[in-house]
Amino acid sequence: MKIPFLNSGKSEQAIDPVCRMSVDTGNPVGGASTHAGQVYYFCGPGCRVAFEKDPEGYLSGEKSIEM
């Protein structure tokens, strides 16, 4: 029995809106969140949680986390 990989094929890269790290959209470690119809991908769960608490703060550039 073959076990499929989570990421089959080419993935695109996205920028985590909280820490600005590059994230593999095919297998985002921190998951994804939708805000205002747009999907955002995260490097880790902490960035996703922070974004979900104040998405406008991170999208405006007013807030960020240094990694």
PDB file of N, CA and C in Angstrom:
ATOM      1  N   MET A   1       0.836  -1.184   0.000  1.00  0.00           N
ATOM      2  CA  MET A   1       0.000   0.000   0.000  1.00  0.00           C
ATOM      3  C   MET A   1       0.879   1.245   0.000  1.00  0.00           C
ATOM      4  N   LYS A   2       0.604   2.145  -0.925  1.00  0.00           N
ATOM      5  CA  LYS A   2       1.354   3.390  -0.994  1.00  0.00           C
ATOM      6  C   LYS A   2       0.684   4.442  -0.124  1.00  0.00           C
ATOM      7  N   ILE A   3       1.499   5.216   0.551  1.00  0.00           N
ATOM      8  CA  ILE A   3       0.996   6.329   1.355  1.00  0.00           C
ATOM      9  C   ILE A   3       1.249   7.596   0.564  1.00  0.00           C
ATOM     10  N   PRO A   4       0.198   8.344   0.229  1.00  0.00           N
ATOM     11  CA  PRO A   4       0.405   9.554  -0.576  1.00  0.00           C
ATOM     12  C   PRO A   4       1.062  10.664   0.235  1.00  0.00           C
ATOM     13  N   PHE A   5       1.870  11.449  -0.443  1.00  0.00           N
ATOM     14  CA  PHE A   5       2.465  12.622   0.182  1.00  0.00           C
ATOM     15  C   PHE A   5       1.424  13.718   0.223  1.00  0.00           C
ATOM     16  N   LEU A   6       1.508  14.590   1.210  1.00  0.00           N
ATOM     17  CA  LEU A   6       0.596  15.722   1.279  1.00  0.00           C
ATOM     18  C   LEU A   6       0.795  16.660   0.097  1.00  0.00           C
ATOM     19  N   ASN A   7       2.016  16.753  -0.361  1.00  0.00           N
ATOM     20  CA  ASN A   7       2.347  17.684  -1.425  1.00  0.00           C
ATOM     21  C   ASN A   7       2.669  16.895  -2.681  1.00  0.00           C
ATOM     22  N   SER A   8       1.715  16.747  -3.562  1.00  0.00           N
ATOM     23  CA  SER A   8       1.970  16.043  -4.812  1.00  0.00           C
ATOM     24  C   SER A   8       2.013  17.065  -5.932  1.00  0.00           C
ATOM     25  N   GLY A   9       3.123  17.135  -6.615  1.00  0.00           N
ATOM     26  CA  GLY A   9       3.263  18.095  -7.689  1.00  0.00           C
ATOM     27  C   GLY A   9       3.945  19.364  -7.213  1.00  0.00           C
ATOM     28  N   LYS A  10       3.948  20.333  -8.100  1.00  0.00           N
ATOM     29  CA  LYS A  10       4.608  21.596  -7.770  1.00  0.00           C
ATOM     30  C   LYS A  10       3.725  22.448  -6.871  1.00  0.00           C
ATOM     31  N   SER A  11       4.355  23.072  -5.925  1.00  0.00           N
ATOM     32  CA  SER A  11       3.651  23.990  -5.025  1.00  0.00           C
ATOM     33  C   SER A  11       4.124  25.401  -5.288  1.00  0.00           C
ATOM     34  N   GLU A  12       3.303  26.307  -4.928  1.00  0.00           N
ATOM     35  CA  GLU A  12       3.675  27.705  -5.014  1.00  0.00           C
ATOM     36  C   GLU A  12       4.124  28.172  -3.639  1.00  0.00           C
ATOM     37  N   GLN A  13       4.778  29.297  -3.629  1.00  0.00           N
ATOM     38  CA  GLN A  13       5.223  29.887  -2.378  1.00  0.00           C
ATOM     39  C   GLN A  13       4.355  31.108  -2.078  1.00  0.00           C
ATOM     40  N   ALA A  14       4.084  31.311  -0.817  1.00  0.00           N
ATOM     41  CA  ALA A  14       3.351  32.490  -0.361  1.00  0.00           C
ATOM     42  C   ALA A  14       4.152  33.107   0.780  1.00  0.00           C
ATOM     43  N   ILE A  15       3.863  34.341   1.092  1.00  0.00           N
ATOM     44  CA  ILE A  15       4.530  35.020   2.197  1.00  0.00           C
ATOM     45  C   ILE A  15       3.585  35.061   3.391  1.00  0.00           C
ATOM     46  N   ASP A  16       4.070  34.562   4.521  1.00  0.00           N
ATOM     47  CA  ASP A  16       3.314  34.612   5.770  1.00  0.00           C
ATOM     48  C   ASP A  16       3.111  36.089   6.106  1.00  0.00           C
ATOM     49  N   PRO A  17       1.859  36.557   6.256  1.00  0.00           N
ATOM     50  CA  PRO A  17       1.625  37.975   6.503  1.00  0.00           C
ATOM     51  C   PRO A  17       2.055  38.459   7.890  1.00  0.00           C
ATOM     52  N   VAL A  18       2.383  37.535   8.783  1.00  0.00           N
ATOM     53  CA  VAL A  18       2.778  37.911  10.141  1.00  0.00           C
ATOM     54  C   VAL A  18       4.292  38.077  10.247  1.00  0.00           C
ATOM     55  N   CYS A  19       5.053  37.066   9.821  1.00  0.00           N
ATOM     56  CA  CYS A  19       6.511  37.106   9.994  1.00  0.00           C
ATOM     57  C   CYS A  19       7.270  37.312   8.689  1.00  0.00           C
ATOM     58  N   ARG A  20       6.548  37.317   7.559  1.00  0.00           N
ATOM     59  CA  ARG A  20       7.114  37.529   6.224  1.00  0.00           C
ATOM     60  C   ARG A  20       7.992  36.383   5.727  1.00  0.00           C
ATOM     61  N   MET A  21       7.885  35.200   6.323  1.00  0.00           N
ATOM     62  CA  MET A  21       8.648  34.044   5.848  1.00  0.00           C
ATOM     63  C   MET A  21       7.951  33.428   4.639  1.00  0.00           C
ATOM     64  N   SER A  22       8.722  32.741   3.804  1.00  0.00           N
ATOM     65  CA  SER A  22       8.174  32.040   2.647  1.00  0.00           C
ATOM     66  C   SER A  22       7.516  30.736   3.117  1.00  0.00           C
ATOM     67  N   VAL A  23       6.341  30.430   2.570  1.00  0.00           N
ATOM     68  CA  VAL A  23       5.563  29.265   2.994  1.00  0.00           C
ATOM     69  C   VAL A  23       5.161  28.465   1.755  1.00  0.00           C
ATOM     70  N   ASP A  24       5.311  27.160   1.824  1.00  0.00           N
ATOM     71  CA  ASP A  24       4.886  26.251   0.758  1.00  0.00           C
ATOM     72  C   ASP A  24       3.366  26.117   0.830  1.00  0.00           C
ATOM     73  N   THR A  25       2.656  26.597  -0.178  1.00  0.00           N
ATOM     74  CA  THR A  25       1.194  26.570  -0.149  1.00  0.00           C
ATOM     75  C   THR A  25       0.625  25.157  -0.258  1.00  0.00           C
ATOM     76  N   GLY A  26       1.423  24.224  -0.734  1.00  0.00           N
ATOM     77  CA  GLY A  26       0.961  22.842  -0.851  1.00  0.00           C
ATOM     78  C   GLY A  26       0.958  22.101   0.468  1.00  0.00           C
ATOM     79  N   ASN A  27       1.747  22.595   1.429  1.00  0.00           N
ATOM     80  CA  ASN A  27       1.850  21.942   2.731  1.00  0.00           C
ATOM     81  C   ASN A  27       2.266  22.973   3.772  1.00  0.00           C
ATOM     82  N   PRO A  28       1.410  23.960   4.045  1.00  0.00           N
ATOM     83  CA  PRO A  28       1.783  25.008   5.004  1.00  0.00           C
ATOM     84  C   PRO A  28       1.779  24.480   6.432  1.00  0.00           C
ATOM     85  N   VAL A  29       2.927  24.526   7.078  1.00  0.00           N
ATOM     86  CA  VAL A  29       3.084  23.977   8.430  1.00  0.00           C
ATOM     87  C   VAL A  29       2.105  24.608   9.415  1.00  0.00           C
ATOM     88  N   GLY A  30       1.878  25.915   9.281  1.00  0.00           N
ATOM     89  CA  GLY A  30       0.981  26.621  10.193  1.00  0.00           C
ATOM     90  C   GLY A  30      -0.469  26.652   9.743  1.00  0.00           C
ATOM     91  N   GLY A  31      -0.747  26.033   8.618  1.00  0.00           N
ATOM     92  CA  GLY A  31      -2.109  26.011   8.109  1.00  0.00           C
ATOM     93  C   GLY A  31      -2.421  27.242   7.292  1.00  0.00           C
ATOM     94  N   ALA A  32      -3.700  27.446   7.059  1.00  0.00           N
ATOM     95  CA  ALA A  32      -4.161  28.571   6.251  1.00  0.00           C
ATOM     96  C   ALA A  32      -5.373  29.198   6.928  1.00  0.00           C
ATOM     97  N   SER A  33      -5.628  30.435   6.577  1.00  0.00           N
ATOM     98  CA  SER A  33      -6.779  31.155   7.115  1.00  0.00           C
ATOM     99  C   SER A  33      -7.321  32.050   6.006  1.00  0.00           C
ATOM    100  N   THR A  34      -8.625  32.192   5.959  1.00  0.00           N
ATOM    101  CA  THR A  34      -9.251  33.050   4.959  1.00  0.00           C
ATOM    102  C   THR A  34      -9.745  34.325   5.622  1.00  0.00           C
ATOM    103  N   HIS A  35      -9.422  35.445   4.984  1.00  0.00           N
ATOM    104  CA  HIS A  35      -9.879  36.747   5.477  1.00  0.00           C
ATOM    105  C   HIS A  35     -10.305  37.566   4.263  1.00  0.00           C
ATOM    106  N   ALA A  36     -11.515  38.086   4.297  1.00  0.00           N
ATOM    107  CA  ALA A  36     -12.062  38.919   3.216  1.00  0.00           C
ATOM    108  C   ALA A  36     -11.947  38.229   1.857  1.00  0.00           C
ATOM    109  N   GLY A  37     -12.179  36.927   1.845  1.00  0.00           N
ATOM    110  CA  GLY A  37     -12.165  36.169   0.596  1.00  0.00           C
ATOM    111  C   GLY A  37     -10.794  35.767   0.094  1.00  0.00           C
ATOM    112  N   GLN A  38      -9.736  36.115   0.805  1.00  0.00           N
ATOM    113  CA  GLN A  38      -8.361  35.797   0.414  1.00  0.00           C
ATOM    114  C   GLN A  38      -7.796  34.744   1.368  1.00  0.00           C
ATOM    115  N   VAL A  39      -7.086  33.749   0.818  1.00  0.00           N
ATOM    116  CA  VAL A  39      -6.465  32.713   1.645  1.00  0.00           C
ATOM    117  C   VAL A  39      -5.033  33.136   1.959  1.00  0.00           C
ATOM    118  N   TYR A  40      -4.658  33.043   3.232  1.00  0.00           N
ATOM    119  CA  TYR A  40      -3.308  33.354   3.697  1.00  0.00           C
ATOM    120  C   TYR A  40      -2.705  32.095   4.295  1.00  0.00           C
ATOM    121  N   TYR A  41      -1.405  31.884   4.070  1.00  0.00           N
ATOM    122  CA  TYR A  41      -0.702  30.695   4.534  1.00  0.00           C
ATOM    123  C   TYR A  41       0.332  31.086   5.583  1.00  0.00           C
ATOM    124  N   PHE A  42       0.604  30.140   6.514  1.00  0.00           N
ATOM    125  CA  PHE A  42       1.439  30.475   7.669  1.00  0.00           C
ATOM    126  C   PHE A  42       2.563  29.473   7.891  1.00  0.00           C
ATOM    127  N   CYS A  43       3.690  30.001   8.395  1.00  0.00           N
ATOM    128  CA  CYS A  43       4.871  29.178   8.659  1.00  0.00           C
ATOM    129  C   CYS A  43       4.681  28.296   9.889  1.00  0.00           C
ATOM    130  N   GLY A  44       3.856  28.732  10.812  1.00  0.00           N
ATOM    131  CA  GLY A  44       3.611  27.974  12.037  1.00  0.00           C
ATOM    132  C   GLY A  44       2.285  28.380  12.653  1.00  0.00           C
ATOM    133  N   PRO A  45       1.777  27.562  13.572  1.00  0.00           N
ATOM    134  CA  PRO A  45       0.485  27.854  14.191  1.00  0.00           C
ATOM    135  C   PRO A  45       0.434  29.186  14.933  1.00  0.00           C
ATOM    136  N   GLY A  46       1.536  29.609  15.522  1.00  0.00           N
ATOM    137  CA  GLY A  46       1.547  30.869  16.265  1.00  0.00           C
ATOM    138  C   GLY A  46       1.262  32.063  15.368  1.00  0.00           C
ATOM    139  N   CYS A  47       1.813  32.048  14.163  1.00  0.00           N
ATOM    140  CA  CYS A  47       1.554  33.139  13.228  1.00  0.00           C
ATOM    141  C   CYS A  47       0.091  33.136  12.791  1.00  0.00           C
ATOM    142  N   ARG A  48      -0.471  31.957  12.568  1.00  0.00           N
ATOM    143  CA  ARG A  48      -1.879  31.875  12.167  1.00  0.00           C
ATOM    144  C   ARG A  48      -2.792  32.415  13.271  1.00  0.00           C
ATOM    145  N   VAL A  49      -2.522  32.038  14.512  1.00  0.00           N
ATOM    146  CA  VAL A  49      -3.338  32.497  15.642  1.00  0.00           C
ATOM    147  C   VAL A  49      -3.229  34.016  15.783  1.00  0.00           C
ATOM    148  N   ALA A  50      -2.013  34.554  15.684  1.00  0.00           N
ATOM    149  CA  ALA A  50      -1.819  36.005  15.788  1.00  0.00           C
ATOM    150  C   ALA A  50      -2.591  36.727  14.675  1.00  0.00           C
ATOM    151  N   PHE A  51      -2.513  36.204  13.463  1.00  0.00           N
ATOM    152  CA  PHE A  51      -3.212  36.813  12.332  1.00  0.00           C
ATOM    153  C   PHE A  51      -4.725  36.794  12.544  1.00  0.00           C
ATOM    154  N   GLU A  52      -5.248  35.675  13.010  1.00  0.00           N
ATOM    155  CA  GLU A  52      -6.687  35.550  13.192  1.00  0.00           C
ATOM    156  C   GLU A  52      -7.215  36.498  14.275  1.00  0.00           C
ATOM    157  N   LYS A  53      -6.356  36.891  15.216  1.00  0.00           N
ATOM    158  CA  LYS A  53      -6.765  37.850  16.250  1.00  0.00           C
ATOM    159  C   LYS A  53      -6.828  39.281  15.718  1.00  0.00           C
ATOM    160  N   ASP A  54      -5.972  39.627  14.744  1.00  0.00           N
ATOM    161  CA  ASP A  54      -5.931  40.990  14.213  1.00  0.00           C
ATOM    162  C   ASP A  54      -5.441  40.991  12.759  1.00  0.00           C
ATOM    163  N   PRO A  55      -6.236  40.456  11.836  1.00  0.00           N
ATOM    164  CA  PRO A  55      -5.777  40.376  10.445  1.00  0.00           C
ATOM    165  C   PRO A  55      -5.465  41.742   9.831  1.00  0.00           C
ATOM    166  N   GLU A  56      -6.271  42.739  10.106  1.00  0.00           N
ATOM    167  CA  GLU A  56      -6.038  44.059   9.514  1.00  0.00           C
ATOM    168  C   GLU A  56      -4.730  44.683   9.990  1.00  0.00           C
ATOM    169  N   GLY A  57      -4.359  44.427  11.237  1.00  0.00           N
ATOM    170  CA  GLY A  57      -3.097  44.945  11.761  1.00  0.00           C
ATOM    171  C   GLY A  57      -1.901  44.399  11.001  1.00  0.00           C
ATOM    172  N   TYR A  58      -1.930  43.107  10.674  1.00  0.00           N
ATOM    173  CA  TYR A  58      -0.821  42.487   9.947  1.00  0.00           C
ATOM    174  C   TYR A  58      -0.857  42.826   8.466  1.00  0.00           C
ATOM    175  N   LEU A  59      -2.028  42.889   7.877  1.00  0.00           N
ATOM    176  CA  LEU A  59      -2.134  43.194   6.452  1.00  0.00           C
ATOM    177  C   LEU A  59      -1.762  44.641   6.151  1.00  0.00           C
ATOM    178  N   SER A  60      -2.012  45.535   7.084  1.00  0.00           N
ATOM    179  CA  SER A  60      -1.677  46.953   6.886  1.00  0.00           C
ATOM    180  C   SER A  60      -0.190  47.217   7.099  1.00  0.00           C
ATOM    181  N   GLY A  61       0.508  46.270   7.733  1.00  0.00           N
ATOM    182  CA  GLY A  61       1.918  46.468   8.047  1.00  0.00           C
ATOM    183  C   GLY A  61       2.129  47.119   9.397  1.00  0.00           C
ATOM    184  N   GLU A  62       1.025  47.466  10.063  1.00  0.00           N
ATOM    185  CA  GLU A  62       1.098  48.091  11.381  1.00  0.00           C
ATOM    186  C   GLU A  62       1.727  47.152  12.391  1.00  0.00           C
ATOM    187  N   LYS A  63       1.460  45.861  12.250  1.00  0.00           N
ATOM    188  CA  LYS A  63       2.016  44.845  13.156  1.00  0.00           C
ATOM    189  C   LYS A  63       2.872  43.869  12.350  1.00  0.00           C
ATOM    190  N   SER A  64       3.869  43.309  13.003  1.00  0.00           N
ATOM    191  CA  SER A  64       4.662  42.229  12.434  1.00  0.00           C
ATOM    192  C   SER A  64       5.421  41.541  13.555  1.00  0.00           C
ATOM    193  N   ILE A  65       5.887  40.352  13.272  1.00  0.00           N
ATOM    194  CA  ILE A  65       6.684  39.595  14.235  1.00  0.00           C
ATOM    195  C   ILE A  65       8.020  39.308  13.583  1.00  0.00           C
ATOM    196  N   GLU A  66       9.103  39.612  14.264  1.00  0.00           N
ATOM    197  CA  GLU A  66      10.445  39.321  13.757  1.00  0.00           C
ATOM    198  C   GLU A  66      10.805  37.889  14.084  1.00  0.00           C
ATOM    199  N   MET A  67      11.273  37.170  13.105  1.00  0.00           N
ATOM    200  CA  MET A  67      11.670  35.772  13.314  1.00  0.00           C
ATOM    201  C   MET A  67      13.180  35.670  13.260  1.00  0.00           C
TER     202      MET A  67
END
